Structure formats: structure tokens, C-alpha cells
Protein backbone atom coordinates (compact mmCIF):
# COMPACT_ATOMS: atom_id res chain seq x y z
CA MET A 1 -18.98 -34.72 12.31
CA THR A 2 -18.69 -37.52 14.87
CA ARG A 3 -15.82 -38.10 17.32
CA ASN A 4 -14.53 -40.81 14.98
CA HIS A 5 -14.42 -38.32 12.12
CA VAL A 6 -12.49 -35.86 14.31
CA PHE A 7 -9.90 -38.56 14.98
CA GLN A 8 -9.71 -39.37 11.27
CA VAL A 9 -9.24 -35.71 10.30
CA CYS A 10 -6.42 -35.28 12.84
CA ILE A 11 -4.65 -38.43 11.66
CA ILE A 12 -4.96 -37.33 8.03
CA ALA A 13 -3.52 -33.92 8.96
CA LEU A 14 -0.57 -35.40 10.86
CA CYS A 15 0.24 -37.86 8.07
CA SER A 16 -0.10 -35.26 5.30
CA CYS A 17 2.16 -32.73 7.01
CA SER A 18 4.71 -35.44 7.83
CA VAL A 19 4.89 -36.60 4.22
CA LEU A 20 5.15 -33.02 2.97
CA PHE A 21 7.97 -32.41 5.46
CA VAL A 22 9.90 -35.34 4.00
CA ILE A 23 9.30 -34.05 0.47
CA GLU A 24 10.32 -30.52 1.47
CA GLN A 25 13.37 -31.20 3.61
CA ILE A 26 14.70 -34.66 2.77
CA LEU A 27 13.90 -35.55 -0.83
CA ASP A 28 15.80 -33.65 -3.51
CA VAL A 29 12.87 -32.50 -5.64
CA ASN A 30 12.12 -29.21 -7.39
CA TYR A 31 9.45 -26.67 -6.56
CA PHE A 32 7.01 -28.05 -9.12
CA ILE A 33 7.00 -31.51 -7.50
CA LYS A 34 6.54 -29.92 -4.08
CA THR A 35 3.58 -27.92 -5.38
CA VAL A 36 1.89 -30.95 -6.98
CA SER A 37 2.37 -32.89 -3.73
CA LYS A 38 0.82 -30.07 -1.76
CA VAL A 39 -2.19 -29.91 -4.08
CA PHE A 40 -2.74 -33.64 -3.58
CA PHE A 41 -2.48 -33.61 0.23
CA PHE A 42 -4.07 -30.21 0.93
CA LEU A 43 -6.88 -30.23 -1.66
CA VAL A 44 -7.53 -33.59 -3.26
CA ILE A 45 -7.52 -35.76 -0.13
CA PRO A 46 -9.69 -33.36 1.97
CA ILE A 47 -12.21 -32.92 -0.86
CA LEU A 48 -12.47 -36.68 -1.34
CA TYR A 49 -12.91 -37.16 2.41
CA ILE A 50 -15.62 -34.49 2.62
CA ARG A 51 -17.44 -35.83 -0.42
CA TYR A 52 -17.30 -39.58 0.17
CA ILE A 53 -16.83 -40.00 3.94
CA CYS A 54 -18.77 -37.02 5.29
CA LYS A 55 -21.23 -37.11 2.38
CA LEU A 56 -21.15 -33.31 2.01
CA THR A 57 -20.26 -30.82 -0.68
CA VAL A 58 -17.45 -28.32 -0.09
CA LYS A 59 -19.98 -25.48 0.09
CA GLU A 60 -22.02 -27.31 2.72
CA SER A 61 -18.97 -28.26 4.76
CA PHE A 62 -17.42 -24.78 4.83
CA ASN A 63 -20.51 -22.56 4.74
CA ILE A 64 -19.40 -20.70 1.61
CA GLN A 65 -22.31 -18.44 0.82
CA LYS A 66 -22.67 -15.08 -0.87
CA VAL A 67 -19.77 -12.89 0.33
CA ARG A 68 -20.71 -9.60 2.02
CA TRP A 69 -18.34 -6.85 3.14
CA LYS A 70 -19.48 -7.23 6.76
CA SER A 71 -18.42 -10.87 6.80
CA VAL A 72 -14.86 -10.26 5.53
CA ARG A 73 -13.92 -6.84 6.88
CA LEU A 74 -12.03 -8.35 9.84
CA GLY A 75 -9.81 -10.20 7.37
CA PHE A 76 -8.86 -6.94 5.65
CA LEU A 77 -8.33 -5.14 8.99
CA PHE A 78 -6.04 -7.73 10.55
CA GLY A 79 -4.40 -8.46 7.20
CA SER A 80 -3.38 -4.80 6.91
CA LEU A 81 -1.88 -4.94 10.41
CA ALA A 82 0.03 -8.12 9.55
CA PHE A 83 1.34 -6.51 6.36
CA GLY A 84 2.85 -3.66 8.34
CA ILE A 85 4.18 -5.86 11.17
CA ILE A 86 5.97 -8.26 8.80
CA LEU A 87 7.72 -5.46 6.92
CA LEU A 88 8.66 -3.71 10.17
CA THR A 89 9.98 -6.95 11.70
CA TYR A 90 12.14 -7.62 8.65
CA TRP A 91 13.52 -4.09 8.76
CA VAL A 92 14.39 -4.40 12.47
CA LEU A 93 15.91 -7.92 12.25
CA ARG A 94 17.45 -7.75 8.79
CA SER A 95 21.00 -7.43 10.18
CA ILE A 96 20.79 -10.81 11.95
CA ILE A 97 18.93 -12.69 9.20
CA ASP A 98 21.18 -14.87 7.03
CA THR A 99 19.86 -13.73 3.66
CA ASP A 100 22.58 -15.68 1.84
CA ALA A 101 21.25 -18.95 3.32
CA ILE A 102 17.71 -18.00 2.32
CA MET A 103 18.71 -17.20 -1.25
CA TYR A 104 20.76 -20.40 -1.55
CA ASP A 105 17.83 -22.48 -0.29
CA LEU A 106 15.37 -20.81 -2.67
CA GLN A 107 17.54 -20.97 -5.77
CA GLU A 108 19.56 -24.17 -5.32
CA ARG A 109 17.22 -26.48 -3.39
CA SER A 110 13.85 -25.19 -4.62
CA GLY A 111 14.95 -23.97 -8.03
CA ILE A 112 13.29 -20.55 -7.70
CA THR A 113 15.35 -18.28 -9.94
CA PRO A 114 14.83 -14.52 -10.43
CA GLU A 115 13.27 -15.27 -13.83
CA ILE A 116 10.41 -17.33 -12.40
CA PHE A 117 10.12 -15.66 -9.00
CA ILE A 118 7.21 -13.42 -10.00
CA PHE A 119 5.19 -16.44 -11.16
CA VAL A 120 5.99 -18.31 -7.95
CA ALA A 121 5.03 -15.17 -6.02
CA LEU A 122 1.60 -15.05 -7.66
CA TYR A 123 1.04 -18.73 -6.91
CA ILE A 124 2.12 -18.32 -3.27
CA THR A 125 -0.04 -15.24 -2.76
CA PHE A 126 -3.27 -16.62 -4.17
CA GLY A 127 -3.01 -20.37 -4.85
CA ASN A 128 -0.85 -21.53 -1.95
CA SER A 129 -2.67 -19.33 0.56
CA LEU A 130 -6.00 -20.75 -0.61
CA MET A 131 -4.79 -24.33 -0.19
CA GLU A 132 -3.43 -23.69 3.29
CA GLU A 133 -6.54 -21.90 4.51
CA PHE A 134 -8.79 -24.54 2.97
CA TYR A 135 -6.75 -27.21 4.73
CA PHE A 136 -5.69 -25.80 8.12
CA ARG A 137 -8.71 -23.56 8.81
CA GLY A 138 -11.43 -25.27 6.80
CA PHE A 139 -10.78 -29.00 6.75
CA LEU A 140 -8.92 -29.18 10.08
CA PHE A 141 -9.99 -26.34 12.38
CA LEU A 142 -13.65 -25.73 11.48
CA ASN A 143 -14.52 -29.41 11.22
CA VAL A 144 -13.12 -30.11 14.70
CA TYR A 145 -14.40 -26.82 16.16
CA LYS A 146 -17.98 -27.59 15.17
CA THR A 147 -17.93 -30.83 17.19
CA GLY A 148 -17.43 -28.91 20.45
CA TYR A 149 -13.69 -29.57 20.87
CA LYS A 150 -13.07 -25.84 20.55
CA VAL A 151 -9.85 -25.42 22.54
CA PHE A 152 -8.30 -28.51 20.98
CA ALA A 153 -9.30 -27.30 17.52
CA HIS A 154 -7.56 -23.97 18.08
CA VAL A 155 -4.37 -25.37 19.58
CA PHE A 156 -3.93 -28.42 17.33
CA SER A 157 -4.52 -26.65 14.01
CA ALA A 158 -2.39 -23.62 14.99
CA PHE A 159 0.45 -25.84 16.24
CA LEU A 160 0.44 -27.99 13.10
CA PHE A 161 0.30 -24.86 10.93
CA ALA A 162 3.33 -23.41 12.75
CA VAL A 163 5.40 -26.62 12.71
CA TYR A 164 4.63 -27.22 9.03
CA HIS A 165 5.91 -23.77 8.09
CA THR A 166 9.00 -23.77 10.29
CA ALA A 167 9.91 -27.11 8.70
CA ILE A 168 9.85 -25.41 5.28
CA PHE A 169 12.43 -22.77 6.24
CA ALA A 170 14.35 -24.83 8.81
CA THR A 171 17.66 -23.96 7.14
CA TRP A 172 17.00 -20.23 6.93
CA PHE A 173 17.35 -18.97 10.49
CA SER A 174 19.29 -19.49 13.69
CA PHE A 175 17.71 -21.56 16.47
CA GLU A 176 16.57 -18.42 18.31
CA LEU A 177 14.93 -16.95 15.22
CA MET A 178 13.31 -20.30 14.49
CA LEU A 179 11.69 -20.29 17.94
CA LEU A 180 10.52 -16.72 17.34
CA ALA A 181 9.08 -17.74 13.95
CA LEU A 182 7.38 -20.77 15.50
CA ALA A 183 5.76 -18.63 18.20
CA GLY A 184 4.70 -16.02 15.66
CA LEU A 185 3.16 -18.60 13.35
CA PHE A 186 1.33 -20.28 16.22
CA ILE A 187 -0.16 -16.94 17.29
CA ALA A 188 -1.07 -16.20 13.66
CA GLY A 189 -2.77 -19.59 13.45
CA ILE A 190 -4.82 -18.86 16.57
CA LEU A 191 -5.79 -15.48 15.12
CA PHE A 192 -6.73 -17.04 11.77
CA ASN A 193 -8.92 -19.54 13.60
CA TRP A 194 -10.58 -16.85 15.70
CA LEU A 195 -11.43 -14.79 12.63
CA ASN A 196 -13.17 -17.76 11.06
CA THR A 197 -15.37 -18.50 14.07
CA TYR A 198 -17.45 -15.45 13.12
CA SER A 199 -18.20 -16.45 9.54
CA GLN A 200 -17.84 -20.24 9.95
CA ASN A 201 -15.78 -20.36 6.76
CA PHE A 202 -12.14 -19.68 5.88
CA LEU A 203 -12.57 -16.47 3.84
CA ASN A 204 -11.41 -14.03 6.54
CA SER A 205 -8.21 -15.94 7.23
CA TRP A 206 -7.59 -16.32 3.48
CA ILE A 207 -7.74 -12.53 3.02
CA PHE A 208 -5.45 -12.13 6.04
CA HIS A 209 -3.08 -14.74 4.60
CA ILE A 210 -2.98 -13.06 1.18
CA MET A 211 -2.03 -9.70 2.67
CA ALA A 212 0.66 -11.24 4.88
CA ASP A 213 2.05 -13.09 1.85
CA ILE A 214 2.16 -9.87 -0.16
CA ALA A 215 4.48 -8.41 2.51
CA ILE A 216 6.69 -11.51 2.36
CA ILE A 217 6.77 -11.35 -1.45
CA LEU A 218 7.89 -7.72 -1.27
CA ILE A 219 10.79 -8.85 0.92
CA GLY A 220 11.54 -11.59 -1.61
CA LEU A 221 11.55 -9.08 -4.46
CA HIS A 222 14.04 -7.02 -2.48
CA LEU A 223 16.29 -10.04 -1.82
CA TYR A 224 16.22 -11.02 -5.50
CA GLY A 225 17.14 -7.45 -6.46
CA ILE A 226 13.93 -7.00 -8.42
CA LEU A 227 12.56 -4.28 -6.15
């Protein structure tokens, strides 16, 4: 990828996340519309760019070869640690987390009722995590990292990943907790990136992401009174 392609990828990423922020926080749309929008910006546009601008297949671009245990074991190791840390953090901070605001946002603004929560949970755990890792770690980080702009690739992709997510739950937490979440997501993004420098694909961070999401889903099941 040339320097011009790096610039194009960064502009695409900034524009995509900005539009998704507007859809998430400003427009009054349901969860289905948000999901379709995310598929378009996080999968369709990158795949079209890779195929018709970079003239590569997805497998060629992201080095997706035969998966071996040695190449993904770091994802399982750090994913297990994240699983425990997320549950522990929730348990420690649960008294200062406004769970009523979270439930109102999920049910009223996003339309996620207890009846459909399990289906949304499955999508978040496997589908949403795949899209985000494909986008932030594959399309954005690895493409820029391979050009030699390694520090910029780490910082830019991790920062955008953190800001994108804090925008999603901007109404959930106090300002102090939002800063803590932003810092935690930025560090997670850096760690996701680092894991993928070993395999040169996004599989390790996807496994990590899945396990972290499982912990979050367990918290959601508790809040919905299902678990």
C-alpha cells in the first residue's frame, strides 16, 4: 500500500466512524438500522476498496491462511484475562454505575427488549466482533502498519476504536467513568494491534474480542434479569 492509500484508508475510517456516530447518537433509528449501517461501512466499503482500489482479495490483504493453534493461542490467553478483568471491574464499580440509564438506552433508544436480547447477544459476540476486528485491526491497522508507519498505525486505530465505542455508550456513564472507559478501550486497542503483529491477520484480536464480549453479555443478562 502506498502513502496515498494510507491517507485514503484513514479518511475512509474517519468518515465512516463519524457517520455511524450520527446514526447512533443523533438519528432516532432502531437497532436493525444501526446494524445494517455498520455492515455497510465496516464490511462492504472496505471490501470494495481492497478489491477494486488495492486490487487484492481479502485473503491476500489480511494473510488469512490455515489456522494453527500456535498462531491463535495468544488470543485465547489474553481473552481469558480480559474476561476476568471485565467481570471483576463491573463487580467493583457496580454501585456507581447508573444501570437504569443503561437499561433505558438499550430498551427505549435501541429497542433491545429482554425477548430479543439473546439474539442480539449472539450477533454482538460473533458478528459484530468480526466486523470491528476486520475493520479496525485488518482494514485500518494492518494496512497502515505494513507501510512502515507503525507507531501511527497503533495510535490512530486504537484511538478511533476507543472514541467510536465511547460514542455508543455516551449516555451510560458519568464523565469520570467515560474517561476511564476511553482509556481502557484505547489500551485494549493497542493490545489488539500488538497481538495481530505476530500473525499479520486479525484472528488473535477477534478471539480476544469474542471473549471480552462474552463477559459483557453476561453482565447484560444479569441486568435484564435473565441470569
